[in-house]
Amino acid sequence: MTEMVSHWISEGNIKSIENGGAYEVLEEEVYRFIETYRLEGRAFKEGIDDQTMIGRLLEEITDLKKQKYTSPLH
């Protein structure tokens, strides 16, 4: 887990403050990262254009319909 967080810090995905050779990450930065990571590849990812957003929404709708019709409860 530590290696993964270190990788995210080095990639600039999580902002950190260096303090005597150790890195500190603010709590709100962790929440921002989690929210961004959760939306990765989804329609509402920050910074995507409208056309991409609409395409992703259509894909999500198609996937939800497939789940509905393949559900054992249907």
Protein backbone atom coordinates (compact mmCIF):
# COMPACT_ATOMS: atom_id res chain seq x y z
CA MET A 1 0.00 0.00 0.00
CA THR A 2 2.82 2.40 0.88
CA GLU A 3 4.41 1.81 -2.52
CA MET A 4 1.12 2.58 -4.26
CA VAL A 5 0.68 5.86 -2.36
CA SER A 6 4.32 6.78 -3.06
CA HIS A 7 3.68 6.12 -6.75
CA TRP A 8 0.58 8.34 -6.72
CA ILE A 9 2.59 11.11 -5.02
CA SER A 10 5.45 10.83 -7.53
CA GLU A 11 2.96 10.90 -10.43
CA GLY A 12 1.39 14.05 -8.99
CA ASN A 13 -1.99 12.39 -8.41
CA ILE A 14 -1.88 13.21 -4.70
CA LYS A 15 -0.35 16.48 -3.57
CA SER A 16 1.97 16.17 -0.60
CA ILE A 17 4.27 18.24 1.57
CA GLU A 18 7.81 17.03 2.20
CA ASN A 19 8.75 17.24 5.86
CA GLY A 20 12.24 16.05 6.77
CA GLY A 21 12.37 13.34 4.11
CA ALA A 22 8.85 12.12 4.85
CA TYR A 23 5.78 13.12 2.89
CA GLU A 24 2.62 14.40 4.51
CA VAL A 25 -0.70 14.28 2.71
CA LEU A 26 -3.56 16.50 3.85
CA GLU A 27 -6.84 14.76 4.63
CA GLU A 28 -8.83 16.85 2.12
CA GLU A 29 -6.30 15.89 -0.56
CA VAL A 30 -6.99 12.21 0.14
CA TYR A 31 -10.75 12.81 -0.23
CA ARG A 32 -10.18 14.72 -3.49
CA PHE A 33 -8.05 11.88 -4.84
CA ILE A 34 -10.60 9.22 -3.85
CA GLU A 35 -13.41 11.14 -5.56
CA THR A 36 -11.30 11.66 -8.70
CA TYR A 37 -10.26 7.98 -8.73
CA ARG A 38 -13.88 6.87 -8.23
CA LEU A 39 -14.97 8.87 -11.28
CA GLU A 40 -12.12 7.70 -13.51
CA GLY A 41 -13.57 6.41 -16.77
CA ARG A 42 -17.05 7.55 -15.77
CA ALA A 43 -19.20 10.17 -17.47
CA PHE A 44 -18.70 12.81 -14.80
CA LYS A 45 -14.91 12.75 -14.69
CA GLU A 46 -13.60 16.26 -14.31
CA GLY A 47 -12.26 17.90 -17.45
CA ILE A 48 -13.88 15.79 -20.19
CA ASP A 49 -15.76 17.37 -23.07
CA ASP A 50 -19.53 17.11 -23.54
CA GLN A 51 -19.31 14.62 -26.41
CA THR A 52 -17.18 12.23 -24.36
CA MET A 53 -19.50 12.66 -21.37
CA ILE A 54 -22.58 11.82 -23.46
CA GLY A 55 -20.83 8.78 -24.94
CA ARG A 56 -19.92 7.49 -21.49
CA LEU A 57 -23.46 8.07 -20.21
CA LEU A 58 -24.85 6.06 -23.12
CA GLU A 59 -22.39 3.24 -22.34
CA GLU A 60 -23.44 3.27 -18.68
CA ILE A 61 -27.13 3.12 -19.69
CA THR A 62 -26.43 0.17 -21.99
CA ASP A 63 -24.52 -1.63 -19.21
CA LEU A 64 -27.34 -1.02 -16.71
CA LYS A 65 -29.92 -2.37 -19.17
CA LYS A 66 -27.81 -5.50 -19.69
CA GLN A 67 -27.58 -5.99 -15.93
CA LYS A 68 -31.32 -5.56 -15.56
CA TYR A 69 -32.17 -8.11 -18.23
CA THR A 70 -29.60 -10.66 -17.10
CA SER A 71 -30.53 -10.38 -13.42
CA PRO A 72 -32.02 -13.57 -11.94
CA LEU A 73 -34.78 -11.41 -10.45
CA HIS A 74 -35.99 -10.22 -13.86
